[in-house]
Amino acid sequence: DETKRSNSPIGDDNADDEVFPRVYLGKYFEDLYPGLKMRHFLTRTVTESDNVFFTCLTLNPAPIHLDHELSKGNDSALSSGGSGAGAGKPLFNSMFTLALLVGMSVPESTHGTTVANLGFSEVLFPKPVYPGDTLRAETTILDRRESKSRPTQGIVTLQHSAYNQRGECVCRATRQALMKKRS
């Protein structure tokens, strides 16, 4: 039928036969070359509710994430130079920050083209995150190689970085992902 319109995944010529066709935005192995830098369009202001929910959901009762009285001294203890940004606020759960960073990177980098996340080789939190901070993300491709056992896939090393509204890096994560090839 010539009137059919396809919302096919990138590179899928058989999408018209699908009952529920999907659109994938991610880049394939061939598109992810070392040195490629991507600034991601998604940003997020993190809230106290995010922090409390995630901290409780993951069964992490650490007072540094939940206790406002304890948190009164956080900013001076955690920052060099004391920006005052976190005065009296609980420190944001860093596992949420990491998950948010990777999530914000997905549309422009790996959406629908990742076979598997293989792991993280480095995760750093150079500055604290507090409720009310607005985060943005960037990704740089560090390396890639053909898969030795999977000819239709390759391994890519991505470095994701999250920055707050002051331009300070609050998270840097280097990870390896198994990515689809076009052919």
Protein backbone atom coordinates (compact mmCIF):
# COMPACT_ATOMS: atom_id res chain seq x y z
CA ASP A 1 0.00 0.00 0.00
CA GLU A 2 1.60 3.25 -1.16
CA THR A 3 -0.30 5.35 1.39
CA LYS A 4 1.49 3.76 4.36
CA ARG A 5 3.85 6.05 6.24
CA SER A 6 6.64 4.57 8.27
CA ASN A 7 8.01 5.74 11.59
CA SER A 8 10.70 3.16 11.08
CA PRO A 9 13.79 2.75 13.19
CA ILE A 10 16.87 4.12 11.50
CA GLY A 11 17.97 1.74 8.77
CA ASP A 12 14.96 -0.59 8.99
CA ASP A 13 13.38 -0.99 5.55
CA ASN A 14 10.81 -3.54 6.79
CA ALA A 15 9.08 -1.20 9.25
CA ASP A 16 5.90 -1.02 7.16
CA ASP A 17 5.25 -4.65 8.11
CA GLU A 18 5.53 -3.93 11.83
CA VAL A 19 2.43 -3.72 13.99
CA PHE A 20 4.05 -1.17 16.32
CA PRO A 21 6.87 0.58 14.43
CA ARG A 22 9.38 2.47 16.54
CA VAL A 23 11.64 5.44 15.95
CA TYR A 24 15.19 5.29 17.29
CA LEU A 25 17.32 8.41 17.58
CA GLY A 26 20.67 6.97 18.66
CA LYS A 27 23.87 6.77 16.69
CA TYR A 28 25.29 3.54 15.33
CA PHE A 29 28.81 2.24 15.96
CA GLU A 30 30.04 3.82 12.71
CA ASP A 31 28.74 7.26 13.81
CA LEU A 32 30.49 7.18 17.20
CA TYR A 33 34.09 8.01 16.32
CA PRO A 34 36.77 9.02 18.86
CA GLY A 35 36.71 12.76 19.48
CA LEU A 36 32.99 13.20 18.72
CA LYS A 37 31.41 15.59 21.24
CA MET A 38 27.69 15.86 21.87
CA ARG A 39 25.89 18.45 23.98
CA HIS A 40 22.59 16.92 25.10
CA PHE A 41 19.33 18.86 24.83
CA LEU A 42 17.71 17.48 28.00
CA THR A 43 18.29 19.40 31.23
CA ARG A 44 16.80 18.83 34.66
CA THR A 45 16.35 20.79 37.86
CA VAL A 46 16.60 18.23 40.64
CA THR A 47 14.22 18.54 43.58
CA GLU A 48 14.19 17.54 47.20
CA SER A 49 11.36 15.11 46.34
CA ASP A 50 13.61 13.42 43.74
CA ASN A 51 16.31 13.00 46.36
CA VAL A 52 14.05 11.65 49.10
CA PHE A 53 12.20 9.29 46.75
CA PHE A 54 15.34 7.86 45.13
CA THR A 55 17.18 7.56 48.45
CA CYS A 56 14.27 5.69 50.06
CA LEU A 57 13.55 3.62 46.93
CA THR A 58 17.15 2.33 46.93
CA LEU A 59 17.07 1.62 50.70
CA ASN A 60 19.85 4.11 51.44
CA PRO A 61 19.02 5.66 54.84
CA ALA A 62 22.22 7.76 55.02
CA PRO A 63 21.38 10.93 57.02
CA ILE A 64 23.52 13.05 54.67
CA HIS A 65 20.76 12.63 52.05
CA LEU A 66 17.74 13.04 54.33
CA ASP A 67 18.57 14.97 57.52
CA HIS A 68 18.31 18.77 57.27
CA GLU A 69 19.88 19.35 60.71
CA LEU A 70 22.93 17.27 59.84
CA SER A 71 23.09 19.00 56.46
CA LYS A 72 23.59 22.48 57.91
CA GLY A 73 27.36 21.90 57.78
CA ASN A 74 27.50 20.17 54.38
CA ASP A 75 28.44 23.14 52.21
CA SER A 76 31.49 24.20 54.21
CA ALA A 77 32.67 20.60 54.54
CA LEU A 78 32.25 19.73 50.85
CA SER A 79 33.24 22.82 48.91
CA SER A 80 36.57 24.51 48.61
CA GLY A 81 35.95 28.21 48.54
CA GLY A 82 32.34 27.81 49.74
CA SER A 83 29.91 28.91 47.03
CA GLY A 84 27.10 28.67 49.57
CA ALA A 85 24.98 26.75 47.05
CA GLY A 86 24.13 23.89 49.38
CA ALA A 87 23.93 25.66 52.72
CA GLY A 88 21.55 23.72 54.94
CA LYS A 89 20.40 21.33 52.21
CA PRO A 90 20.87 17.54 52.18
CA LEU A 91 23.47 16.31 49.73
CA PHE A 92 21.90 14.81 46.61
CA ASN A 93 22.22 11.03 46.26
CA SER A 94 25.11 10.56 43.82
CA MET A 95 23.62 7.40 42.30
CA PHE A 96 20.66 9.49 41.14
CA THR A 97 23.09 12.02 39.66
CA LEU A 98 24.88 9.24 37.75
CA ALA A 99 21.62 7.71 36.47
CA LEU A 100 20.30 11.13 35.45
CA LEU A 101 23.54 11.93 33.59
CA VAL A 102 23.40 8.72 31.57
CA GLY A 103 19.67 9.16 30.95
CA MET A 104 20.10 12.73 29.66
CA SER A 105 22.70 11.44 27.17
CA VAL A 106 20.51 8.76 25.58
CA PRO A 107 18.51 10.62 22.85
CA GLU A 108 21.51 11.93 20.91
CA SER A 109 23.85 9.01 21.53
CA THR A 110 22.48 5.52 22.19
CA HIS A 111 18.67 5.56 21.91
CA GLY A 112 17.67 2.25 20.28
CA THR A 113 21.19 1.46 19.10
CA THR A 114 22.67 0.06 22.32
CA VAL A 115 22.80 -3.72 22.63
CA ALA A 116 24.14 -3.65 26.21
CA ASN A 117 25.78 -1.39 28.75
CA LEU A 118 29.04 -3.25 29.49
CA GLY A 119 30.13 -1.29 32.53
CA PHE A 120 31.73 1.82 33.94
CA SER A 121 35.51 2.14 34.15
CA GLU A 122 35.45 5.42 36.09
CA VAL A 123 32.85 7.49 37.94
CA LEU A 124 33.77 10.79 39.64
CA PHE A 125 31.72 13.35 41.56
CA PRO A 126 34.01 16.43 41.65
CA LYS A 127 31.38 18.80 43.11
CA PRO A 128 28.25 18.13 45.19
CA VAL A 129 24.68 18.37 43.89
CA TYR A 130 21.92 19.87 46.01
CA PRO A 131 18.14 20.07 45.53
CA GLY A 132 17.42 23.02 43.25
CA ASP A 133 20.50 22.55 41.04
CA THR A 134 19.88 22.39 37.28
CA LEU A 135 22.01 19.86 35.43
CA ARG A 136 23.01 19.53 31.77
CA ALA A 137 25.07 16.83 30.05
CA GLU A 138 27.76 16.36 27.42
CA THR A 139 29.31 13.21 25.95
CA THR A 140 32.68 12.65 24.30
CA ILE A 141 33.52 9.43 22.46
CA LEU A 142 36.92 8.26 23.72
CA ASP A 143 37.40 5.01 21.81
CA ARG A 144 35.72 2.31 19.75
CA ARG A 145 36.62 -1.11 18.47
CA GLU A 146 35.04 -3.91 16.49
CA SER A 147 33.58 -6.76 18.53
CA LYS A 148 35.67 -9.91 18.11
CA SER A 149 32.72 -12.24 18.68
CA ARG A 150 29.83 -10.20 17.22
CA PRO A 151 30.41 -8.97 13.67
CA THR A 152 27.26 -6.80 13.64
CA GLN A 153 28.30 -4.90 16.78
CA GLY A 154 31.14 -2.85 18.23
CA ILE A 155 32.30 -1.59 21.61
CA VAL A 156 32.34 2.16 22.23
CA THR A 157 33.83 4.02 25.21
CA LEU A 158 31.79 7.11 26.11
CA GLN A 159 32.66 9.79 28.65
CA HIS A 160 29.58 11.53 30.03
CA SER A 161 29.86 14.77 32.01
CA ALA A 162 27.17 16.61 34.00
CA TYR A 163 27.40 20.31 34.83
CA ASN A 164 25.35 22.43 37.22
CA GLN A 165 23.93 25.89 36.55
CA ARG A 166 27.28 27.45 37.53
CA GLY A 167 29.16 25.39 34.91
CA GLU A 168 30.82 23.19 37.54
CA CYS A 169 31.33 19.53 36.66
CA VAL A 170 29.32 17.50 39.19
CA CYS A 171 29.72 14.04 37.63
CA ARG A 172 32.00 12.42 35.07
CA ALA A 173 31.44 8.81 34.04
CA THR A 174 33.35 6.70 31.54
CA ARG A 175 31.44 3.68 30.29
CA GLN A 176 31.64 1.01 27.64
CA ALA A 177 28.63 0.06 25.53
CA LEU A 178 28.02 -2.66 22.97
CA MET A 179 26.53 -0.83 19.97
CA LYS A 180 24.72 -1.93 16.82
CA LYS A 181 26.36 -1.45 13.43
CA ARG A 182 24.36 -0.21 10.44
CA SER A 183 24.99 -3.28 8.34
